[in-house]
Amino acid sequence: QVQLVESGGGLVQVGGSLRLSCAASGRTFSIYAMGWFRQAPGKEREFVAGITWSGGRTYYADSVKGRFTISRDNAKNTVYLQMNSLKPEDTAVYYCTAGVTNYGSGSFIRPGSYDYWGQGTQVTVSS
C-alpha cells in the first residue's frame, strides 16, 4: 500500500558526502515514521536514522550521530539522508523504510516496527 524507491547511492571517498533520497507513493497519508537501515555483507541489518512524518522528530544510531542528517519533505513525500564525513565502515546497502504505527521511541531501531521497505541502494566508501 506504500511504495518506496531509494536513490542517490554510489561510490565516494573517505571523508566525502552523499545524499540519499526515498520517495514514497500510495497510501502515504498512513505513514507515521520513515527511516533508514543499512546492511553490510555478513552482518545484521542495523538502524541508521528515523523521523516521524508529522512532527519531524529524529532518531540516530550512535555510529552516525553528528555525521548523518535525516530530513523529510512532506509535500514531495520524500525522506532524505545526508551523509557527511563518510567512513569505510559506512559501506552497506541502505534501505528506506516506512511504518504506520507509533510503537514508541525505543522501537525506531527495530526493523519489525516498520511495514514497507525499498529495494535498497548501495553505498561504497573507499580510500
PDB file of N, CA and C in Angstrom:
ATOM      1  N   GLN A   1       0.824  -1.210   0.000  1.00  0.00           N
ATOM      2  CA  GLN A   1       0.000   0.000   0.000  1.00  0.00           C
ATOM      3  C   GLN A   1       0.852   1.251   0.000  1.00  0.00           C
ATOM      4  N   VAL A   2       2.100   1.123   0.388  1.00  0.00           N
ATOM      5  CA  VAL A   2       3.076   2.197   0.289  1.00  0.00           C
ATOM      6  C   VAL A   2       4.269   1.657  -0.478  1.00  0.00           C
ATOM      7  N   GLN A   3       4.687   2.386  -1.477  1.00  0.00           N
ATOM      8  CA  GLN A   3       5.849   2.012  -2.265  1.00  0.00           C
ATOM      9  C   GLN A   3       6.981   2.993  -1.989  1.00  0.00           C
ATOM     10  N   LEU A   4       8.185   2.458  -1.868  1.00  0.00           N
ATOM     11  CA  LEU A   4       9.350   3.264  -1.553  1.00  0.00           C
ATOM     12  C   LEU A   4      10.432   3.018  -2.588  1.00  0.00           C
ATOM     13  N   VAL A   5      11.011   4.088  -3.086  1.00  0.00           N
ATOM     14  CA  VAL A   5      12.069   3.997  -4.075  1.00  0.00           C
ATOM     15  C   VAL A   5      13.252   4.838  -3.616  1.00  0.00           C
ATOM     16  N   GLU A   6      14.395   4.179  -3.395  1.00  0.00           N
ATOM     17  CA  GLU A   6      15.602   4.877  -2.975  1.00  0.00           C
ATOM     18  C   GLU A   6      16.432   5.293  -4.181  1.00  0.00           C
ATOM     19  N   SER A   7      17.219   6.326  -3.978  1.00  0.00           N
ATOM     20  CA  SER A   7      18.169   6.759  -4.985  1.00  0.00           C
ATOM     21  C   SER A   7      19.295   7.524  -4.298  1.00  0.00           C
ATOM     22  N   GLY A   8      20.386   7.709  -5.011  1.00  0.00           N
ATOM     23  CA  GLY A   8      21.480   8.522  -4.509  1.00  0.00           C
ATOM     24  C   GLY A   8      22.704   7.764  -4.055  1.00  0.00           C
ATOM     25  N   GLY A   9      22.641   6.443  -4.032  1.00  0.00           N
ATOM     26  CA  GLY A   9      23.801   5.676  -3.634  1.00  0.00           C
ATOM     27  C   GLY A   9      24.903   5.754  -4.672  1.00  0.00           C
ATOM     28  N   GLY A  10      26.091   5.334  -4.262  1.00  0.00           N
ATOM     29  CA  GLY A  10      27.214   5.361  -5.173  1.00  0.00           C
ATOM     30  C   GLY A  10      28.521   5.152  -4.457  1.00  0.00           C
ATOM     31  N   LEU A  11      29.590   5.463  -5.157  1.00  0.00           N
ATOM     32  CA  LEU A  11      30.952   5.307  -4.650  1.00  0.00           C
ATOM     33  C   LEU A  11      31.517   6.667  -4.280  1.00  0.00           C
ATOM     34  N   VAL A  12      31.988   6.782  -3.044  1.00  0.00           N
ATOM     35  CA  VAL A  12      32.589   8.026  -2.569  1.00  0.00           C
ATOM     36  C   VAL A  12      33.866   7.715  -1.814  1.00  0.00           C
ATOM     37  N   GLN A  13      34.718   8.712  -1.695  1.00  0.00           N
ATOM     38  CA  GLN A  13      35.958   8.560  -0.954  1.00  0.00           C
ATOM     39  C   GLN A  13      35.748   8.836   0.530  1.00  0.00           C
ATOM     40  N   VAL A  14      36.660   8.320   1.335  1.00  0.00           N
ATOM     41  CA  VAL A  14      36.625   8.581   2.767  1.00  0.00           C
ATOM     42  C   VAL A  14      36.583  10.089   3.017  1.00  0.00           C
ATOM     43  N   GLY A  15      35.682  10.508   3.896  1.00  0.00           N
ATOM     44  CA  GLY A  15      35.531  11.915   4.207  1.00  0.00           C
ATOM     45  C   GLY A  15      34.567  12.646   3.305  1.00  0.00           C
ATOM     46  N   GLY A  16      34.090  11.980   2.278  1.00  0.00           N
ATOM     47  CA  GLY A  16      33.173  12.594   1.350  1.00  0.00           C
ATOM     48  C   GLY A  16      31.741  12.588   1.842  1.00  0.00           C
ATOM     49  N   SER A  17      30.855  13.069   0.986  1.00  0.00           N
ATOM     50  CA  SER A  17      29.447  13.193   1.330  1.00  0.00           C
ATOM     51  C   SER A  17      28.579  12.567   0.257  1.00  0.00           C
ATOM     52  N   LEU A  18      27.392  12.170   0.681  1.00  0.00           N
ATOM     53  CA  LEU A  18      26.419  11.581  -0.218  1.00  0.00           C
ATOM     54  C   LEU A  18      25.036  11.860   0.343  1.00  0.00           C
ATOM     55  N   ARG A  19      24.080  12.063  -0.541  1.00  0.00           N
ATOM     56  CA  ARG A  19      22.708  12.305  -0.112  1.00  0.00           C
ATOM     57  C   ARG A  19      21.783  11.270  -0.726  1.00  0.00           C
ATOM     58  N   LEU A  20      21.132  10.501   0.126  1.00  0.00           N
ATOM     59  CA  LEU A  20      20.172   9.511  -0.317  1.00  0.00           C
ATOM     60  C   LEU A  20      18.763  10.093  -0.280  1.00  0.00           C
ATOM     61  N   SER A  21      17.946   9.668  -1.217  1.00  0.00           N
ATOM     62  CA  SER A  21      16.556  10.086  -1.270  1.00  0.00           C
ATOM     63  C   SER A  21      15.659   8.859  -1.287  1.00  0.00           C
ATOM     64  N   CYS A  22      14.482   9.000  -0.721  1.00  0.00           N
ATOM     65  CA  CYS A  22      13.489   7.936  -0.729  1.00  0.00           C
ATOM     66  C   CYS A  22      12.129   8.555  -0.980  1.00  0.00           C
ATOM     67  N   ALA A  23      11.553   8.233  -2.120  1.00  0.00           N
ATOM     68  CA  ALA A  23      10.249   8.756  -2.495  1.00  0.00           C
ATOM     69  C   ALA A  23       9.164   7.730  -2.177  1.00  0.00           C
ATOM     70  N   ALA A  24       8.152   8.162  -1.454  1.00  0.00           N
ATOM     71  CA  ALA A  24       7.040   7.302  -1.080  1.00  0.00           C
ATOM     72  C   ALA A  24       5.821   7.612  -1.932  1.00  0.00           C
ATOM     73  N   SER A  25       5.087   6.569  -2.270  1.00  0.00           N
ATOM     74  CA  SER A  25       3.852   6.728  -3.019  1.00  0.00           C
ATOM     75  C   SER A  25       2.820   5.741  -2.494  1.00  0.00           C
ATOM     76  N   GLY A  26       1.579   5.922  -2.916  1.00  0.00           N
ATOM     77  CA  GLY A  26       0.500   5.084  -2.434  1.00  0.00           C
ATOM     78  C   GLY A  26      -0.201   5.735  -1.254  1.00  0.00           C
ATOM     79  N   ARG A  27      -0.438   4.949  -0.211  1.00  0.00           N
ATOM     80  CA  ARG A  27      -1.148   5.431   0.968  1.00  0.00           C
ATOM     81  C   ARG A  27      -0.204   6.184   1.910  1.00  0.00           C
ATOM     82  N   THR A  28       0.376   7.243   1.405  1.00  0.00           N
ATOM     83  CA  THR A  28       1.360   7.986   2.190  1.00  0.00           C
ATOM     84  C   THR A  28       0.742   8.680   3.402  1.00  0.00           C
ATOM     85  N   PHE A  29      -0.562   8.914   3.368  1.00  0.00           N
ATOM     86  CA  PHE A  29      -1.220   9.560   4.499  1.00  0.00           C
ATOM     87  C   PHE A  29      -1.182   8.699   5.753  1.00  0.00           C
ATOM     88  N   SER A  30      -0.956   7.415   5.586  1.00  0.00           N
ATOM     89  CA  SER A  30      -0.942   6.498   6.716  1.00  0.00           C
ATOM     90  C   SER A  30       0.416   6.402   7.404  1.00  0.00           C
ATOM     91  N   ILE A  31       1.440   7.008   6.849  1.00  0.00           N
ATOM     92  CA  ILE A  31       2.794   6.882   7.380  1.00  0.00           C
ATOM     93  C   ILE A  31       2.943   7.659   8.680  1.00  0.00           C
ATOM     94  N   TYR A  32       3.451   6.976   9.691  1.00  0.00           N
ATOM     95  CA  TYR A  32       3.778   7.628  10.953  1.00  0.00           C
ATOM     96  C   TYR A  32       5.253   8.024  10.995  1.00  0.00           C
ATOM     97  N   ALA A  33       6.120   7.134  10.540  1.00  0.00           N
ATOM     98  CA  ALA A  33       7.542   7.402  10.586  1.00  0.00           C
ATOM     99  C   ALA A  33       8.238   6.757   9.397  1.00  0.00           C
ATOM    100  N   MET A  34       9.348   7.338   9.013  1.00  0.00           N
ATOM    101  CA  MET A  34      10.198   6.766   7.996  1.00  0.00           C
ATOM    102  C   MET A  34      11.627   6.714   8.517  1.00  0.00           C
ATOM    103  N   GLY A  35      12.414   5.865   7.911  1.00  0.00           N
ATOM    104  CA  GLY A  35      13.773   5.735   8.387  1.00  0.00           C
ATOM    105  C   GLY A  35      14.682   5.063   7.389  1.00  0.00           C
ATOM    106  N   TRP A  36      15.915   4.909   7.820  1.00  0.00           N
ATOM    107  CA  TRP A  36      16.939   4.252   7.029  1.00  0.00           C
ATOM    108  C   TRP A  36      17.623   3.177   7.852  1.00  0.00           C
ATOM    109  N   PHE A  37      17.791   2.025   7.253  1.00  0.00           N
ATOM    110  CA  PHE A  37      18.606   0.949   7.790  1.00  0.00           C
ATOM    111  C   PHE A  37      19.714   0.651   6.798  1.00  0.00           C
ATOM    112  N   ARG A  38      20.737  -0.032   7.255  1.00  0.00           N
ATOM    113  CA  ARG A  38      21.791  -0.451   6.346  1.00  0.00           C
ATOM    114  C   ARG A  38      22.239  -1.861   6.698  1.00  0.00           C
ATOM    115  N   GLN A  39      22.756  -2.542   5.698  1.00  0.00           N
ATOM    116  CA  GLN A  39      23.204  -3.906   5.893  1.00  0.00           C
ATOM    117  C   GLN A  39      24.472  -4.148   5.085  1.00  0.00           C
ATOM    118  N   ALA A  40      25.534  -4.490   5.788  1.00  0.00           N
ATOM    119  CA  ALA A  40      26.790  -4.851   5.159  1.00  0.00           C
ATOM    120  C   ALA A  40      26.832  -6.362   4.975  1.00  0.00           C
ATOM    121  N   PRO A  41      27.636  -6.857   4.038  1.00  0.00           N
ATOM    122  CA  PRO A  41      27.713  -8.304   3.815  1.00  0.00           C
ATOM    123  C   PRO A  41      28.059  -9.067   5.089  1.00  0.00           C
ATOM    124  N   GLY A  42      27.281 -10.098   5.377  1.00  0.00           N
ATOM    125  CA  GLY A  42      27.528 -10.928   6.535  1.00  0.00           C
ATOM    126  C   GLY A  42      27.107 -10.335   7.860  1.00  0.00           C
ATOM    127  N   LYS A  43      26.467  -9.191   7.842  1.00  0.00           N
ATOM    128  CA  LYS A  43      26.057  -8.540   9.075  1.00  0.00           C
ATOM    129  C   LYS A  43      24.547  -8.357   9.129  1.00  0.00           C
ATOM    130  N   GLU A  44      24.064  -8.118  10.336  1.00  0.00           N
ATOM    131  CA  GLU A  44      22.645  -7.861  10.532  1.00  0.00           C
ATOM    132  C   GLU A  44      22.271  -6.484  10.006  1.00  0.00           C
ATOM    133  N   ARG A  45      21.027  -6.364   9.609  1.00  0.00           N
ATOM    134  CA  ARG A  45      20.529  -5.061   9.213  1.00  0.00           C
ATOM    135  C   ARG A  45      20.452  -4.161  10.446  1.00  0.00           C
ATOM    136  N   GLU A  46      21.036  -2.978  10.365  1.00  0.00           N
ATOM    137  CA  GLU A  46      21.104  -2.097  11.514  1.00  0.00           C
ATOM    138  C   GLU A  46      20.434  -0.758  11.242  1.00  0.00           C
ATOM    139  N   PHE A  47      19.875  -0.212  12.298  1.00  0.00           N
ATOM    140  CA  PHE A  47      19.216   1.077  12.231  1.00  0.00           C
ATOM    141  C   PHE A  47      20.226   2.187  12.018  1.00  0.00           C
ATOM    142  N   VAL A  48      19.869   3.149  11.178  1.00  0.00           N
ATOM    143  CA  VAL A  48      20.713   4.304  10.919  1.00  0.00           C
ATOM    144  C   VAL A  48      20.056   5.583  11.430  1.00  0.00           C
ATOM    145  N   ALA A  49      18.854   5.867  10.958  1.00  0.00           N
ATOM    146  CA  ALA A  49      18.166   7.097  11.341  1.00  0.00           C
ATOM    147  C   ALA A  49      16.680   6.954  11.088  1.00  0.00           C
ATOM    148  N   GLY A  50      15.881   7.692  11.849  1.00  0.00           N
ATOM    149  CA  GLY A  50      14.445   7.685  11.672  1.00  0.00           C
ATOM    150  C   GLY A  50      13.862   9.055  11.922  1.00  0.00           C
ATOM    151  N   ILE A  51      12.663   9.276  11.396  1.00  0.00           N
ATOM    152  CA  ILE A  51      11.998  10.559  11.552  1.00  0.00           C
ATOM    153  C   ILE A  51      10.498  10.347  11.555  1.00  0.00           C
ATOM    154  N   THR A  52       9.791  11.024  12.458  1.00  0.00           N
ATOM    155  CA  THR A  52       8.340  10.989  12.420  1.00  0.00           C
ATOM    156  C   THR A  52       7.859  11.909  11.316  1.00  0.00           C
ATOM    157  N   TRP A  53       6.819  11.485  10.622  1.00  0.00           N
ATOM    158  CA  TRP A  53       6.408  12.192   9.424  1.00  0.00           C
ATOM    159  C   TRP A  53       5.753  13.532   9.710  1.00  0.00           C
ATOM    160  N   SER A  54       4.908  13.586  10.719  1.00  0.00           N
ATOM    161  CA  SER A  54       4.197  14.823  11.015  1.00  0.00           C
ATOM    162  C   SER A  54       5.010  15.785  11.870  1.00  0.00           C
ATOM    163  N   GLY A  55       5.668  15.277  12.894  1.00  0.00           N
ATOM    164  CA  GLY A  55       6.378  16.145  13.812  1.00  0.00           C
ATOM    165  C   GLY A  55       7.837  16.385  13.495  1.00  0.00           C
ATOM    166  N   GLY A  56       8.437  15.520  12.685  1.00  0.00           N
ATOM    167  CA  GLY A  56       9.830  15.684  12.332  1.00  0.00           C
ATOM    168  C   GLY A  56      10.808  15.328  13.444  1.00  0.00           C
ATOM    169  N   ARG A  57      10.381  14.552  14.409  1.00  0.00           N
ATOM    170  CA  ARG A  57      11.282  14.108  15.471  1.00  0.00           C
ATOM    171  C   ARG A  57      12.266  13.097  14.901  1.00  0.00           C
ATOM    172  N   THR A  58      13.526  13.268  15.228  1.00  0.00           N
ATOM    173  CA  THR A  58      14.570  12.447  14.622  1.00  0.00           C
ATOM    174  C   THR A  58      15.259  11.554  15.635  1.00  0.00           C
ATOM    175  N   TYR A  59      15.761  10.433  15.139  1.00  0.00           N
ATOM    176  CA  TYR A  59      16.499   9.462  15.932  1.00  0.00           C
ATOM    177  C   TYR A  59      17.683   8.984  15.107  1.00  0.00           C
ATOM    178  N   TYR A  60      18.821   8.784  15.781  1.00  0.00           N
ATOM    179  CA  TYR A  60      20.027   8.381  15.086  1.00  0.00           C
ATOM    180  C   TYR A  60      20.748   7.271  15.836  1.00  0.00           C
ATOM    181  N   ALA A  61      21.362   6.398  15.075  1.00  0.00           N
ATOM    182  CA  ALA A  61      22.281   5.454  15.664  1.00  0.00           C
ATOM    183  C   ALA A  61      23.513   6.200  16.162  1.00  0.00           C
ATOM    184  N   ASP A  62      24.101   5.717  17.246  1.00  0.00           N
ATOM    185  CA  ASP A  62      25.283   6.379  17.799  1.00  0.00           C
ATOM    186  C   ASP A  62      26.415   6.468  16.780  1.00  0.00           C
ATOM    187  N   SER A  63      26.508   5.496  15.919  1.00  0.00           N
ATOM    188  CA  SER A  63      27.602   5.442  14.963  1.00  0.00           C
ATOM    189  C   SER A  63      27.548   6.543  13.904  1.00  0.00           C
ATOM    190  N   VAL A  64      26.391   7.183  13.743  1.00  0.00           N
ATOM    191  CA  VAL A  64      26.257   8.195  12.702  1.00  0.00           C
ATOM    192  C   VAL A  64      25.911   9.568  13.242  1.00  0.00           C
ATOM    193  N   LYS A  65      25.696   9.691  14.537  1.00  0.00           N
ATOM    194  CA  LYS A  65      25.357  10.989  15.119  1.00  0.00           C
ATOM    195  C   LYS A  65      26.453  12.009  14.835  1.00  0.00           C
ATOM    196  N   GLY A  66      26.034  13.186  14.409  1.00  0.00           N
ATOM    197  CA  GLY A  66      26.970  14.234  14.078  1.00  0.00           C
ATOM    198  C   GLY A  66      27.471  14.190  12.658  1.00  0.00           C
ATOM    199  N   ARG A  67      27.245  13.080  11.964  1.00  0.00           N
ATOM    200  CA  ARG A  67      27.687  12.939  10.580  1.00  0.00           C
ATOM    201  C   ARG A  67      26.524  12.837   9.596  1.00  0.00           C
ATOM    202  N   PHE A  68      25.464  12.165  10.003  1.00  0.00           N
ATOM    203  CA  PHE A  68      24.307  11.966   9.135  1.00  0.00           C
ATOM    204  C   PHE A  68      23.150  12.828   9.613  1.00  0.00           C
ATOM    205  N   THR A  69      22.327  13.266   8.674  1.00  0.00           N
ATOM    206  CA  THR A  69      21.135  14.034   8.987  1.00  0.00           C
ATOM    207  C   THR A  69      19.961  13.493   8.185  1.00  0.00           C
ATOM    208  N   ILE A  70      18.883  13.152   8.875  1.00  0.00           N
ATOM    209  CA  ILE A  70      17.672  12.716   8.202  1.00  0.00           C
ATOM    210  C   ILE A  70      16.693  13.879   8.157  1.00  0.00           C
ATOM    211  N   SER A  71      15.999  14.019   7.060  1.00  0.00           N
ATOM    212  CA  SER A  71      15.014  15.076   6.904  1.00  0.00           C
ATOM    213  C   SER A  71      13.908  14.590   5.985  1.00  0.00           C
ATOM    214  N   ARG A  72      12.829  15.351   5.941  1.00  0.00           N
ATOM    215  CA  ARG A  72      11.744  14.964   5.058  1.00  0.00           C
ATOM    216  C   ARG A  72      11.113  16.189   4.419  1.00  0.00           C
ATOM    217  N   ASP A  73      10.542  15.968   3.245  1.00  0.00           N
ATOM    218  CA  ASP A  73       9.783  16.969   2.520  1.00  0.00           C
ATOM    219  C   ASP A  73       8.382  16.399   2.365  1.00  0.00           C
ATOM    220  N   ASN A  74       7.475  16.839   3.214  1.00  0.00           N
ATOM    221  CA  ASN A  74       6.129  16.276   3.223  1.00  0.00           C
ATOM    222  C   ASN A  74       5.401  16.500   1.892  1.00  0.00           C
ATOM    223  N   ALA A  75       5.619  17.656   1.282  1.00  0.00           N
ATOM    224  CA  ALA A  75       4.951  17.958   0.025  1.00  0.00           C
ATOM    225  C   ALA A  75       5.362  17.001  -1.080  1.00  0.00           C
ATOM    226  N   LYS A  76       6.589  16.515  -1.022  1.00  0.00           N
ATOM    227  CA  LYS A  76       7.100  15.598  -2.036  1.00  0.00           C
ATOM    228  C   LYS A  76       7.066  14.142  -1.592  1.00  0.00           C
ATOM    229  N   ASN A  77       6.581  13.903  -0.375  1.00  0.00           N
ATOM    230  CA  ASN A  77       6.545  12.544   0.178  1.00  0.00           C
ATOM    231  C   ASN A  77       7.916  11.878   0.085  1.00  0.00           C
ATOM    232  N   THR A  78       8.922  12.623   0.458  1.00  0.00           N
ATOM    233  CA  THR A  78      10.293  12.170   0.296  1.00  0.00           C
ATOM    234  C   THR A  78      11.081  12.367   1.585  1.00  0.00           C
ATOM    235  N   VAL A  79      11.884  11.380   1.913  1.00  0.00           N
ATOM    236  CA  VAL A  79      12.792  11.469   3.047  1.00  0.00           C
ATOM    237  C   VAL A  79      14.217  11.421   2.514  1.00  0.00           C
ATOM    238  N   TYR A  80      15.113  12.131   3.181  1.00  0.00           N
ATOM    239  CA  TYR A  80      16.491  12.233   2.748  1.00  0.00           C
ATOM    240  C   TYR A  80      17.433  11.788   3.862  1.00  0.00           C
ATOM    241  N   LEU A  81      18.585  11.335   3.458  1.00  0.00           N
ATOM    242  CA  LEU A  81      19.654  11.049   4.398  1.00  0.00           C
ATOM    243  C   LEU A  81      20.921  11.700   3.880  1.00  0.00           C
ATOM    244  N   GLN A  82      21.308  12.790   4.517  1.00  0.00           N
ATOM    245  CA  GLN A  82      22.548  13.467   4.175  1.00  0.00           C
ATOM    246  C   GLN A  82      23.671  12.828   4.965  1.00  0.00           C
ATOM    247  N   MET A  83      24.649  12.287   4.275  1.00  0.00           N
ATOM    248  CA  MET A  83      25.748  11.577   4.901  1.00  0.00           C
ATOM    249  C   MET A  83      27.036  12.345   4.657  1.00  0.00           C
ATOM    250  N   ASN A  84      27.658  12.792   5.728  1.00  0.00           N
ATOM    251  CA  ASN A  84      28.911  13.527   5.654  1.00  0.00           C
ATOM    252  C   ASN A  84      30.008  12.769   6.388  1.00  0.00           C
ATOM    253  N   SER A  85      31.236  13.163   6.129  1.00  0.00           N
ATOM    254  CA  SER A  85      32.396  12.548   6.783  1.00  0.00           C
ATOM    255  C   SER A  85      32.336  11.031   6.714  1.00  0.00           C
ATOM    256  N   LEU A  86      32.097  10.526   5.538  1.00  0.00           N
ATOM    257  CA  LEU A  86      31.884   9.095   5.364  1.00  0.00           C
ATOM    258  C   LEU A  86      33.141   8.289   5.661  1.00  0.00           C
ATOM    259  N   LYS A  87      32.917   7.117   6.233  1.00  0.00           N
ATOM    260  CA  LYS A  87      33.972   6.200   6.616  1.00  0.00           C
ATOM    261  C   LYS A  87      33.791   4.877   5.890  1.00  0.00           C
ATOM    262  N   PRO A  88      34.855   4.095   5.762  1.00  0.00           N
ATOM    263  CA  PRO A  88      34.706   2.784   5.120  1.00  0.00           C
ATOM    264  C   PRO A  88      33.650   1.911   5.788  1.00  0.00           C
ATOM    265  N   GLU A  89      33.496   2.019   7.094  1.00  0.00           N
ATOM    266  CA  GLU A  89      32.505   1.222   7.796  1.00  0.00           C
ATOM    267  C   GLU A  89      31.071   1.629   7.496  1.00  0.00           C
ATOM    268  N   ASP A  90      30.887   2.734   6.787  1.00  0.00           N
ATOM    269  CA  ASP A  90      29.556   3.118   6.329  1.00  0.00           C
ATOM    270  C   ASP A  90      29.138   2.354   5.077  1.00  0.00           C
ATOM    271  N   THR A  91      30.056   1.623   4.490  1.00  0.00           N
ATOM    272  CA  THR A  91      29.759   0.855   3.288  1.00  0.00           C
ATOM    273  C   THR A  91      28.690  -0.192   3.585  1.00  0.00           C
ATOM    274  N   ALA A  92      27.607  -0.143   2.829  1.00  0.00           N
ATOM    275  CA  ALA A  92      26.490  -1.053   3.043  1.00  0.00           C
ATOM    276  C   ALA A  92      25.424  -0.781   1.994  1.00  0.00           C
ATOM    277  N   VAL A  93      24.442  -1.660   1.960  1.00  0.00           N
ATOM    278  CA  VAL A  93      23.220  -1.374   1.230  1.00  0.00           C
ATOM    279  C   VAL A  93      22.295  -0.629   2.175  1.00  0.00           C
ATOM    280  N   TYR A  94      21.823   0.511   1.753  1.00  0.00           N
ATOM    281  CA  TYR A  94      20.955   1.331   2.571  1.00  0.00           C
ATOM    282  C   TYR A  94      19.509   1.150   2.130  1.00  0.00           C
ATOM    283  N   TYR A  95      18.650   0.865   3.098  1.00  0.00           N
ATOM    284  CA  TYR A  95      17.243   0.609   2.834  1.00  0.00           C
ATOM    285  C   TYR A  95      16.369   1.684   3.465  1.00  0.00           C
ATOM    286  N   CYS A  96      15.484   2.212   2.676  1.00  0.00           N
ATOM    287  CA  CYS A  96      14.464   3.124   3.174  1.00  0.00           C
ATOM    288  C   CYS A  96      13.288   2.316   3.706  1.00  0.00           C
ATOM    289  N   THR A  97      12.653   2.804   4.758  1.00  0.00           N
ATOM    290  CA  THR A  97      11.537   2.089   5.337  1.00  0.00           C
ATOM    291  C   THR A  97      10.479   3.059   5.840  1.00  0.00           C
ATOM    292  N   ALA A  98       9.256   2.572   5.938  1.00  0.00           N
ATOM    293  CA  ALA A  98       8.136   3.369   6.430  1.00  0.00           C
ATOM    294  C   ALA A  98       7.274   2.518   7.342  1.00  0.00           C
ATOM    295  N   GLY A  99       6.790   3.116   8.412  1.00  0.00           N
ATOM    296  CA  GLY A  99       5.916   2.441   9.347  1.00  0.00           C
ATOM    297  C   GLY A  99       4.663   3.244   9.593  1.00  0.00           C
ATOM    298  N   VAL A 100       3.575   2.558   9.893  1.00  0.00           N
ATOM    299  CA  VAL A 100       2.285   3.218  10.096  1.00  0.00           C
ATOM    300  C   VAL A 100       1.878   3.289  11.559  1.00  0.00           C
ATOM    301  N   THR A 101       2.607   2.629  12.444  1.00  0.00           N
ATOM    302  CA  THR A 101       2.227   2.540  13.847  1.00  0.00           C
ATOM    303  C   THR A 101       3.260   3.191  14.748  1.00  0.00           C
ATOM    304  N   ASN A 102       2.788   3.916  15.750  1.00  0.00           N
ATOM    305  CA  ASN A 102       3.649   4.508  16.761  1.00  0.00           C
ATOM    306  C   ASN A 102       3.864   3.499  17.886  1.00  0.00           C
ATOM    307  N   TYR A 103       5.044   2.897  17.914  1.00  0.00           N
ATOM    308  CA  TYR A 103       5.382   1.933  18.962  1.00  0.00           C
ATOM    309  C   TYR A 103       6.194   2.558  20.090  1.00  0.00           C
ATOM    310  N   GLY A 104       6.530   3.829  19.967  1.00  0.00           N
ATOM    311  CA  GLY A 104       7.354   4.487  20.958  1.00  0.00           C
ATOM    312  C   GLY A 104       8.768   4.689  20.450  1.00  0.00           C
ATOM    313  N   SER A 105       9.478   5.604  21.082  1.00  0.00           N
ATOM    314  CA  SER A 105      10.797   5.989  20.595  1.00  0.00           C
ATOM    315  C   SER A 105      11.781   4.832  20.566  1.00  0.00           C
ATOM    316  N   GLY A 106      11.683   3.927  21.510  1.00  0.00           N
ATOM    317  CA  GLY A 106      12.601   2.805  21.551  1.00  0.00           C
ATOM    318  C   GLY A 106      12.434   1.811  20.423  1.00  0.00           C
ATOM    319  N   SER A 107      11.325   1.911  19.712  1.00  0.00           N
ATOM    320  CA  SER A 107      11.042   0.969  18.640  1.00  0.00           C
ATOM    321  C   SER A 107      11.656   1.376  17.310  1.00  0.00           C
ATOM    322  N   PHE A 108      12.217   2.568  17.221  1.00  0.00           N
ATOM    323  CA  PHE A 108      12.768   3.036  15.962  1.00  0.00           C
ATOM    324  C   PHE A 108      13.904   2.165  15.464  1.00  0.00           C
ATOM    325  N   ILE A 109      14.637   1.519  16.367  1.00  0.00           N
ATOM    326  CA  ILE A 109      15.784   0.721  15.969  1.00  0.00           C
ATOM    327  C   ILE A 109      15.403  -0.678  15.521  1.00  0.00           C
ATOM    328  N   ARG A 110      14.160  -1.048  15.644  1.00  0.00           N
ATOM    329  CA  ARG A 110      13.723  -2.409  15.333  1.00  0.00           C
ATOM    330  C   ARG A 110      13.163  -2.493  13.919  1.00  0.00           C
ATOM    331  N   PRO A 111      13.730  -3.333  13.072  1.00  0.00           N
ATOM    332  CA  PRO A 111      13.162  -3.491  11.727  1.00  0.00           C
ATOM    333  C   PRO A 111      11.698  -3.906  11.745  1.00  0.00           C
ATOM    334  N   GLY A 112      11.309  -4.688  12.758  1.00  0.00           N
ATOM    335  CA  GLY A 112       9.935  -5.147  12.851  1.00  0.00           C
ATOM    336  C   GLY A 112       8.927  -4.060  13.128  1.00  0.00           C
ATOM    337  N   SER A 113       9.382  -2.868  13.469  1.00  0.00           N
ATOM    338  CA  SER A 113       8.477  -1.758  13.700  1.00  0.00           C
ATOM    339  C   SER A 113       7.973  -1.140  12.405  1.00  0.00           C
ATOM    340  N   TYR A 114       8.573  -1.490  11.299  1.00  0.00           N
ATOM    341  CA  TYR A 114       8.248  -0.892  10.013  1.00  0.00           C
ATOM    342  C   TYR A 114       7.471  -1.854   9.131  1.00  0.00           C
ATOM    343  N   ASP A 115       6.747  -1.293   8.190  1.00  0.00           N
ATOM    344  CA  ASP A 115       5.824  -2.074   7.376  1.00  0.00           C
ATOM    345  C   ASP A 115       6.215  -2.166   5.905  1.00  0.00           C
ATOM    346  N   TYR A 116       6.937  -1.197   5.409  1.00  0.00           N
ATOM    347  CA  TYR A 116       7.279  -1.145   3.998  1.00  0.00           C
ATOM    348  C   TYR A 116       8.760  -0.870   3.829  1.00  0.00           C
ATOM    349  N   TRP A 117       9.342  -1.465   2.798  1.00  0.00           N
ATOM    350  CA  TRP A 117      10.769  -1.354   2.553  1.00  0.00           C
ATOM    351  C   TRP A 117      11.058  -1.097   1.086  1.00  0.00           C
ATOM    352  N   GLY A 118      12.066  -0.275   0.844  1.00  0.00           N
ATOM    353  CA  GLY A 118      12.551  -0.095  -0.505  1.00  0.00           C
ATOM    354  C   GLY A 118      13.490  -1.218  -0.898  1.00  0.00           C
ATOM    355  N   GLN A 119      13.970  -1.174  -2.118  1.00  0.00           N
ATOM    356  CA  GLN A 119      14.839  -2.222  -2.635  1.00  0.00           C
ATOM    357  C   GLN A 119      16.291  -2.056  -2.218  1.00  0.00           C
ATOM    358  N   GLY A 120      16.651  -0.888  -1.728  1.00  0.00           N
ATOM    359  CA  GLY A 120      17.998  -0.648  -1.269  1.00  0.00           C
ATOM    360  C   GLY A 120      18.860   0.035  -2.309  1.00  0.00           C
ATOM    361  N   THR A 121      19.839   0.768  -1.823  1.00  0.00           N
ATOM    362  CA  THR A 121      20.802   1.417  -2.694  1.00  0.00           C
ATOM    363  C   THR A 121      22.194   1.253  -2.094  1.00  0.00           C
ATOM    364  N   GLN A 122      23.147   0.899  -2.930  1.00  0.00           N
ATOM    365  CA  GLN A 122      24.496   0.593  -2.463  1.00  0.00           C
ATOM    366  C   GLN A 122      25.280   1.870  -2.211  1.00  0.00           C
ATOM    367  N   VAL A 123      25.916   1.928  -1.048  1.00  0.00           N
ATOM    368  CA  VAL A 123      26.843   2.994  -0.714  1.00  0.00           C
ATOM    369  C   VAL A 123      28.200   2.359  -0.444  1.00  0.00           C
ATOM    370  N   THR A 124      29.202   2.783  -1.172  1.00  0.00           N
ATOM    371  CA  THR A 124      30.552   2.261  -1.002  1.00  0.00           C
ATOM    372  C   THR A 124      31.499   3.414  -0.721  1.00  0.00           C
ATOM    373  N   VAL A 125      32.215   3.317   0.390  1.00  0.00           N
ATOM    374  CA  VAL A 125      33.171   4.340   0.794  1.00  0.00           C
ATOM    375  C   VAL A 125      34.558   3.740   0.693  1.00  0.00           C
ATOM    376  N   SER A 126      35.383   4.317  -0.145  1.00  0.00           N
ATOM    377  CA  SER A 126      36.713   3.792  -0.406  1.00  0.00           C
ATOM    378  C   SER A 126      37.786   4.793  -0.022  1.00  0.00           C
ATOM    379  N   SER A 127      38.994   4.263   0.182  1.00  0.00           N
ATOM    380  CA  SER A 127      40.140   5.114   0.490  1.00  0.00           C
ATOM    381  C   SER A 127      40.714   5.730  -0.762  1.00  0.00           C
TER     382      SER A 127
END
